[in-house]
Protein backbone atom coordinates (compact mmCIF):
# COMPACT_ATOMS: atom_id res chain seq x y z
CA MET A 1 0.00 0.00 0.00
CA THR A 2 1.22 3.48 -0.83
CA LYS A 3 1.72 5.47 2.37
CA LEU A 4 -0.17 8.68 3.09
CA SER A 5 1.81 11.53 4.62
CA VAL A 6 -0.39 14.44 5.68
CA ASN A 7 1.08 17.90 5.10
CA ILE A 8 -0.10 20.09 7.98
CA ASN A 9 1.13 23.45 6.66
CA LYS A 10 -2.44 24.68 6.21
CA ILE A 11 -3.17 24.03 9.87
CA ALA A 12 -0.32 26.39 10.73
CA THR A 13 -1.62 28.94 8.20
CA LEU A 14 -4.97 28.99 10.00
CA ARG A 15 -3.30 29.32 13.39
CA ASN A 16 -1.06 32.15 12.23
CA ALA A 17 -3.97 34.10 10.74
CA ARG A 18 -5.32 34.80 14.22
CA GLY A 19 -2.28 34.42 16.46
CA GLY A 20 -2.32 32.25 19.52
CA ASP A 21 -2.30 28.48 19.26
CA ARG A 22 -5.62 27.48 17.70
CA PRO A 23 -5.60 25.10 15.99
CA ASN A 24 -2.68 23.46 17.72
CA VAL A 25 -0.26 22.04 15.16
CA VAL A 26 1.14 19.38 17.47
CA GLN A 27 -2.30 18.11 18.44
CA VAL A 28 -3.43 17.96 14.81
CA ALA A 29 -0.35 15.91 13.93
CA LYS A 30 -1.15 13.50 16.75
CA ASP A 31 -4.73 13.24 15.54
CA CYS A 32 -3.68 12.62 11.93
CA GLU A 33 -1.58 9.69 13.08
CA ARG A 34 -4.37 8.41 15.34
CA PHE A 35 -6.76 8.57 12.39
CA GLY A 36 -4.46 6.44 10.23
CA ALA A 37 -1.95 8.71 8.50
CA GLN A 38 1.38 6.96 8.00
CA GLY A 39 3.44 10.13 8.01
CA ILE A 40 3.48 13.84 8.79
CA THR A 41 4.93 16.36 6.33
CA VAL A 42 5.89 19.97 6.96
CA HIS A 43 7.41 22.54 4.64
CA PRO A 44 8.93 25.39 6.65
CA ARG A 45 9.81 28.50 4.65
CA PRO A 46 12.23 31.27 5.61
CA ASP A 47 9.44 33.76 6.42
CA GLU A 48 7.67 31.16 8.62
CA ARG A 49 4.33 32.19 7.16
CA HIS A 50 2.86 28.81 8.04
CA ILE A 51 5.02 26.15 9.70
CA ARG A 52 7.56 27.77 12.01
CA TYR A 53 10.97 26.35 12.75
CA GLN A 54 9.92 25.89 16.38
CA ASP A 55 6.96 23.80 15.17
CA VAL A 56 9.41 21.42 13.53
CA TYR A 57 11.32 20.94 16.79
CA ASP A 58 8.04 20.43 18.68
CA LEU A 59 6.72 17.93 16.14
CA LYS A 60 9.86 15.82 16.30
CA GLU A 61 9.05 15.08 19.93
CA ILE A 62 5.63 13.58 19.16
CA VAL A 63 5.56 12.18 15.61
CA THR A 64 5.59 8.39 15.83
CA THR A 65 5.18 7.60 12.12
CA GLU A 66 7.44 9.01 9.40
CA PHE A 67 8.42 12.66 9.75
CA ASN A 68 9.10 14.29 6.37
CA ILE A 69 10.54 17.80 6.23
CA GLU A 70 10.43 19.56 2.87
CA GLY A 71 12.26 22.71 1.86
CA ASN A 72 14.89 24.58 -0.06
CA PRO A 73 18.28 23.50 1.31
CA THR A 74 19.46 26.89 2.55
CA PRO A 75 21.96 26.95 5.42
CA ASP A 76 19.16 27.54 7.95
CA PHE A 77 17.16 24.62 6.56
CA ILE A 78 20.18 22.31 6.64
CA LYS A 79 20.82 23.24 10.28
CA LEU A 80 17.17 22.58 11.13
CA VAL A 81 17.04 19.09 9.63
CA LYS A 82 20.41 18.18 11.13
CA ASP A 83 19.06 19.16 14.55
CA VAL A 84 15.77 17.30 14.10
CA ARG A 85 16.93 14.34 11.99
CA PRO A 86 13.61 13.33 10.45
CA GLU A 87 13.18 10.02 8.70
CA GLN A 88 13.02 11.83 5.36
CA VAL A 89 14.16 15.18 3.98
CA THR A 90 12.63 16.31 0.68
CA LEU A 91 14.64 18.96 -1.15
CA VAL A 92 12.51 21.47 -3.07
CA PRO A 93 13.94 24.33 -5.17
CA ASP A 94 11.32 26.93 -4.28
CA ALA A 95 12.15 30.63 -4.12
CA PRO A 96 11.68 32.40 -0.76
CA ASP A 97 8.66 34.31 -2.10
CA ALA A 98 6.96 31.35 -3.79
CA ILE A 99 3.33 30.86 -2.78
CA THR A 100 3.77 27.13 -3.21
CA SER A 101 6.24 24.80 -4.88
CA ASN A 102 6.06 25.27 -8.64
CA ALA A 103 8.92 23.35 -10.26
CA GLY A 104 11.23 20.41 -9.76
CA TRP A 105 15.03 20.46 -9.62
CA ASP A 106 17.15 20.73 -12.71
CA THR A 107 19.26 17.82 -11.56
CA ILE A 108 21.80 18.35 -14.34
CA THR A 109 22.48 22.06 -13.82
CA HIS A 110 22.57 21.66 -10.04
CA LYS A 111 24.40 18.34 -9.99
CA ASP A 112 27.34 19.45 -7.86
CA PHE A 113 25.20 21.28 -5.31
CA LEU A 114 22.74 18.42 -4.96
CA THR A 115 25.47 15.79 -4.74
CA HIS A 116 27.18 17.64 -1.90
CA THR A 117 23.93 18.39 -0.04
CA ILE A 118 22.54 14.87 -0.34
CA ARG A 119 25.82 13.34 0.81
CA GLU A 120 25.80 15.66 3.83
CA LEU A 121 22.25 14.73 4.82
CA LYS A 122 22.62 11.00 4.26
CA ALA A 123 25.71 11.03 6.47
CA GLU A 124 23.36 12.12 9.28
CA GLY A 125 21.17 9.06 8.74
CA MET A 126 18.29 10.72 6.88
CA ARG A 127 16.63 9.40 3.75
CA VAL A 128 16.71 12.05 1.03
CA SER A 129 14.11 12.67 -1.66
CA ILE A 130 14.29 15.40 -4.28
CA PHE A 131 11.39 17.12 -6.03
CA VAL A 132 11.49 16.58 -9.80
CA ASP A 133 9.32 17.13 -12.84
CA PRO A 134 8.20 14.01 -14.78
CA ASP A 135 11.16 14.17 -17.14
CA VAL A 136 13.29 11.10 -17.75
CA SER A 137 16.48 13.16 -18.04
CA MET A 138 15.79 14.77 -14.65
CA VAL A 139 15.23 11.33 -13.12
CA GLU A 140 18.53 10.15 -14.56
CA GLY A 141 20.14 13.24 -13.08
CA ALA A 142 18.54 12.45 -9.73
CA ALA A 143 20.14 9.02 -9.70
CA ALA A 144 23.49 10.58 -10.53
CA VAL A 145 23.42 12.90 -7.49
CA GLY A 146 22.84 10.03 -5.06
CA THR A 147 19.32 10.64 -3.80
CA ASP A 148 17.34 7.78 -2.27
CA ARG A 149 14.00 8.82 -3.74
CA ILE A 150 12.38 11.29 -6.05
CA GLU A 151 9.10 13.09 -5.44
CA LEU A 152 7.26 13.56 -8.70
CA TYR A 153 5.70 17.02 -8.95
CA THR A 154 2.10 16.22 -9.85
CA GLU A 155 0.56 19.63 -10.57
CA ALA A 156 0.49 19.01 -14.34
CA TYR A 157 -1.13 15.62 -13.80
CA ALA A 158 -3.82 17.10 -11.56
CA LYS A 159 -4.46 20.00 -13.93
CA ASN A 160 -5.00 17.74 -16.96
CA TYR A 161 -6.53 14.72 -15.24
CA HIS A 162 -10.19 15.44 -15.94
CA ALA A 163 -9.64 16.16 -19.63
CA ASN A 164 -7.62 12.99 -20.32
CA PRO A 165 -6.33 10.89 -17.40
CA GLU A 166 -4.24 8.56 -19.54
CA GLN A 167 -2.51 11.41 -21.34
CA ALA A 168 -2.02 13.36 -18.11
CA LEU A 169 -0.28 10.43 -16.44
CA ALA A 170 1.80 9.24 -19.40
CA PRO A 171 4.98 11.26 -18.65
CA TYR A 172 4.81 10.23 -15.01
CA ILE A 173 4.72 6.55 -15.93
CA LEU A 174 7.83 6.98 -18.08
CA ALA A 175 9.59 8.83 -15.26
CA ALA A 176 8.57 6.18 -12.73
CA GLU A 177 9.74 3.34 -14.94
CA LYS A 178 13.11 5.03 -15.29
CA ALA A 179 13.31 5.60 -11.54
CA ASN A 180 12.52 1.94 -10.90
CA ALA A 181 15.21 0.87 -13.33
CA LEU A 182 17.73 3.11 -11.57
CA GLY A 183 16.82 1.89 -8.09
CA LEU A 184 15.15 5.09 -6.90
CA GLY A 185 12.13 5.11 -4.61
CA ILE A 186 9.14 7.10 -5.83
CA ASN A 187 7.04 9.62 -3.92
CA ALA A 188 4.49 12.02 -5.40
CA GLY A 189 2.83 15.24 -4.37
CA HIS A 190 1.10 18.49 -5.30
CA ASP A 191 -2.61 19.00 -6.04
CA LEU A 192 -3.49 15.36 -5.43
CA ASP A 193 -7.06 14.90 -4.19
CA LEU A 194 -9.93 12.44 -3.85
CA ASP A 195 -10.72 12.71 -7.56
CA ASN A 196 -7.30 12.00 -9.06
CA LEU A 197 -5.44 10.00 -6.42
CA LYS A 198 -6.76 6.51 -7.10
CA TYR A 199 -5.93 6.62 -10.82
CA LEU A 200 -2.39 7.75 -10.00
CA LYS A 201 -1.95 5.00 -7.42
CA ASN A 202 -3.31 2.27 -9.68
CA ASN A 203 -1.19 3.19 -12.69
CA LEU A 204 2.11 4.56 -11.37
CA PRO A 205 4.66 1.77 -10.83
CA ALA A 206 5.96 1.26 -7.27
CA LEU A 207 4.58 4.45 -5.73
CA ALA A 208 5.89 4.44 -2.15
CA GLU A 209 4.33 7.56 -0.67
CA VAL A 210 2.13 10.56 -1.39
CA SER A 211 2.25 13.83 0.51
CA ILE A 212 -1.08 15.66 0.56
CA GLY A 213 -2.00 18.82 2.42
CA HIS A 214 -4.14 21.51 0.82
CA ALA A 215 -6.88 19.31 -0.68
CA LEU A 216 -7.02 17.03 2.35
CA ILE A 217 -7.43 19.92 4.79
CA CYS A 218 -10.08 21.48 2.54
CA ASP A 219 -11.98 18.19 2.44
CA ALA A 220 -11.73 17.93 6.23
CA LEU A 221 -13.81 21.10 6.54
CA TYR A 222 -16.72 19.17 5.06
CA TYR A 223 -16.08 15.56 6.04
CA GLY A 224 -14.13 15.92 9.29
CA LEU A 225 -10.44 15.11 9.66
CA GLU A 226 -10.79 11.46 10.72
CA ASN A 227 -13.22 10.60 7.93
CA THR A 228 -11.18 12.49 5.36
CA ILE A 229 -7.97 10.63 6.18
CA GLN A 230 -9.85 7.35 5.87
CA LEU A 231 -11.24 8.44 2.50
CA TYR A 232 -7.72 9.16 1.23
CA LEU A 233 -6.39 5.88 2.59
CA ARG A 234 -9.09 4.01 0.68
CA GLN A 235 -7.89 5.58 -2.55
CA LEU A 236 -4.42 4.18 -1.88
CA LYS A 237 -5.39 0.56 -1.22
């Protein structure tokens, strides 16, 4: 079964909008795990507009499943993950002012930087995944820099899914087949939801994990958090 990691950034966004500590990020993470999530994902950004660095330290104390920290590997981010040592670090090349992640790594142009960074993180005992577009050459580049996994950036798939699911997924299948051949684990994330998740899961070879935040939290407003997590887990069976 593909694992579900719940991204709780939007919980922090809601908390920060009012100040104080409601909703409580730590308690929501505990509840997500209690309701069946197999991982917790956070994506701290330099301006701390949602998840704060202190949240990451607090979450490390209570997460009992897989803790996945995403982010641009700036010096501050590298220090954070070295302090916390999550099970997985996902490197994402987003600009400081990006609203959300919007592109994968150019693993060829940034080969030296990624090789050095990944080696540094793996030496601390963390699994490393890097965010990539569904491009076979970028997957080959990912293998060359020594990452353990790739996370396929699925915005294009989600955008085109309703018009033509088979066509929308085709480049992802090619990328996944190449990753499998090269011995890379495969994660996926961005704009996945209850409509498009099952088709992705059923047709993408050896999908290990999905990270879902925005759509899942939106659905929880209507269905409740426990029921929503169960609905997503059903799509992954």
